Amino acid sequence: MARKFSDAVVNAMGNAYETTIGASPTLEFRTGAPPATCATADSGTLLATLTLPADFMGASSGRVVAKAGTWTGVGAAAAGAGTAIGHFRVKQGATCHDQGTVTVTGGGGDMLLDNVSIANGQAITISTFTLTGPAA
């Protein structure tokens, strides 16, 4: 039988995401597949780094926690204009706390963007980012 959690426990898990990572982490976009784990060294070429707001996630409700504030930055595509994003990493200092794939909207990635080709100086805005806890 699968384990089941109350809404209160799942919402506490969601709230712990921001508390554990800490205020104003960075969101990195990189080329290629993500490393095997968050503890594995960075891989791919760094395309952009966004500094997230101090309070970057809202309060968890209904087993979902969503981004808060404005998540925006500018591409610095060292690999050249039009380089495709492959994965993201959320970091506090040098410590990676979250990583996943990036695809265009509808592509099934962990983070969805309307454009995964990043040019030097291009504005990047994350309009939606949510974490959904386990089902009841």
Protein backbone atom coordinates (compact mmCIF):
# COMPACT_ATOMS: atom_id res chain seq x y z
CA MET A 1 0.00 0.00 0.00
CA ALA A 2 1.29 3.49 -0.87
CA ARG A 3 1.90 5.92 1.96
CA LYS A 4 -0.58 8.76 2.39
CA PHE A 5 0.02 12.17 3.98
CA SER A 6 -2.34 14.80 5.34
CA ASP A 7 -2.62 18.16 3.57
CA ALA A 8 -0.89 19.75 6.57
CA VAL A 9 2.18 17.50 6.22
CA VAL A 10 2.43 18.00 2.45
CA ASN A 11 2.04 21.77 2.80
CA ALA A 12 4.79 21.77 5.46
CA MET A 13 7.03 19.90 2.98
CA GLY A 14 6.35 22.59 0.39
CA ASN A 15 7.12 25.40 2.83
CA ALA A 16 10.37 23.68 3.86
CA TYR A 17 11.67 24.05 0.26
CA GLU A 18 12.25 27.81 0.60
CA THR A 19 13.26 27.63 4.27
CA THR A 20 15.94 25.04 3.55
CA ILE A 21 17.37 26.79 0.47
CA GLY A 22 17.41 30.23 2.12
CA ALA A 23 16.76 33.76 0.91
CA SER A 24 17.77 35.07 -2.53
CA PRO A 25 19.16 31.90 -4.13
CA THR A 26 20.33 31.81 -7.72
CA LEU A 27 18.68 30.04 -10.62
CA GLU A 28 21.22 28.88 -13.21
CA PHE A 29 20.43 27.83 -16.76
CA ARG A 30 22.96 25.47 -18.38
CA THR A 31 23.39 23.49 -21.57
CA GLY A 32 23.01 19.71 -21.72
CA ALA A 33 21.54 17.16 -19.36
CA PRO A 34 21.55 17.77 -15.60
CA PRO A 35 24.23 16.08 -13.49
CA ALA A 36 23.37 12.76 -11.81
CA THR A 37 22.54 14.46 -8.47
CA CYS A 38 22.60 17.92 -6.91
CA ALA A 39 25.83 16.89 -5.16
CA THR A 40 27.52 16.28 -8.52
CA ALA A 41 29.61 19.15 -9.96
CA ASP A 42 28.05 21.57 -12.44
CA SER A 43 27.92 20.41 -16.05
CA GLY A 44 27.32 22.13 -19.35
CA THR A 45 27.93 25.78 -20.16
CA LEU A 46 26.39 28.41 -17.89
CA LEU A 47 23.99 30.46 -20.01
CA ALA A 48 22.33 32.69 -17.43
CA THR A 49 22.11 33.25 -13.68
CA LEU A 50 19.06 34.85 -12.11
CA THR A 51 19.06 36.01 -8.50
CA LEU A 52 15.67 35.16 -7.06
CA PRO A 53 13.82 37.39 -4.58
CA ALA A 54 14.54 37.00 -0.86
CA ASP A 55 11.05 35.50 -0.47
CA PHE A 56 10.97 33.49 -3.70
CA MET A 57 8.17 30.99 -2.94
CA GLY A 58 4.64 31.58 -1.71
CA ALA A 59 2.96 29.70 1.11
CA SER A 60 2.08 26.11 0.30
CA SER A 61 -1.65 25.50 -0.07
CA GLY A 62 -3.60 22.58 -1.43
CA ARG A 63 -0.37 20.55 -1.70
CA VAL A 64 1.15 23.10 -4.12
CA VAL A 65 3.70 25.86 -3.58
CA ALA A 66 4.27 28.43 -6.35
CA LYS A 67 6.92 31.03 -7.07
CA ALA A 68 6.57 34.46 -5.50
CA GLY A 69 7.89 37.76 -6.75
CA THR A 70 9.58 38.45 -10.08
CA TRP A 71 12.07 35.92 -11.42
CA THR A 72 13.96 37.71 -14.17
CA GLY A 73 17.47 38.17 -15.49
CA VAL A 74 19.59 38.53 -18.62
CA GLY A 75 21.24 35.82 -20.69
CA ALA A 76 25.02 35.73 -20.89
CA ALA A 77 25.41 33.03 -23.51
CA ALA A 78 29.13 32.34 -23.39
CA ALA A 79 28.57 29.50 -25.86
CA GLY A 80 27.10 31.92 -28.38
CA ALA A 81 23.74 33.31 -29.39
CA GLY A 82 20.87 30.89 -29.67
CA THR A 83 22.34 28.26 -27.32
CA ALA A 84 19.68 25.88 -26.04
CA ILE A 85 19.05 25.47 -22.32
CA GLY A 86 19.16 21.86 -21.16
CA HIS A 87 18.79 22.09 -17.39
CA PHE A 88 18.45 24.40 -14.40
CA ARG A 89 20.00 24.43 -10.93
CA VAL A 90 18.75 26.33 -7.86
CA LYS A 91 21.71 27.19 -5.64
CA GLN A 92 22.56 28.95 -2.41
CA GLY A 93 26.19 29.91 -2.86
CA ALA A 94 27.95 26.90 -4.36
CA THR A 95 25.41 24.39 -2.99
CA CYS A 96 22.86 22.99 -5.43
CA HIS A 97 19.47 22.31 -3.82
CA ASP A 98 17.28 21.60 -6.85
CA GLN A 99 17.88 20.75 -10.48
CA GLY A 100 15.89 19.53 -13.44
CA THR A 101 15.32 19.62 -17.15
CA VAL A 102 14.18 22.64 -19.14
CA THR A 103 11.98 22.35 -22.23
CA VAL A 104 9.65 24.55 -24.22
CA THR A 105 6.09 24.81 -22.96
CA GLY A 106 4.39 21.49 -23.61
CA GLY A 107 7.74 19.65 -23.83
CA GLY A 108 7.43 17.81 -20.52
CA GLY A 109 10.45 19.32 -18.73
CA ASP A 110 10.65 20.09 -15.04
CA MET A 111 10.73 23.80 -15.93
CA LEU A 112 8.92 25.11 -18.99
CA LEU A 113 9.99 28.19 -20.96
CA ASP A 114 8.46 29.73 -24.05
CA ASN A 115 11.95 29.92 -25.61
CA VAL A 116 14.92 27.74 -24.65
CA SER A 117 17.39 29.47 -26.99
CA ILE A 118 19.29 32.09 -25.00
CA ALA A 119 21.15 34.96 -26.64
CA ASN A 120 23.63 37.25 -24.95
CA GLY A 121 21.67 40.12 -23.37
CA GLN A 122 18.29 38.45 -23.81
CA ALA A 123 15.75 39.07 -21.04
CA ILE A 124 14.59 35.91 -19.27
CA THR A 125 11.43 35.87 -17.17
CA ILE A 126 10.02 32.85 -15.36
CA SER A 127 6.28 33.35 -15.22
CA THR A 128 5.33 30.07 -13.53
CA PHE A 129 7.17 27.67 -11.23
CA THR A 130 5.33 25.27 -8.91
CA LEU A 131 6.11 22.28 -6.76
CA THR A 132 3.34 19.76 -6.21
CA GLY A 133 3.41 17.46 -3.20
CA PRO A 134 2.37 13.80 -3.12
CA ALA A 135 -1.28 12.92 -3.54
CA ALA A 136 -3.60 12.23 -0.60
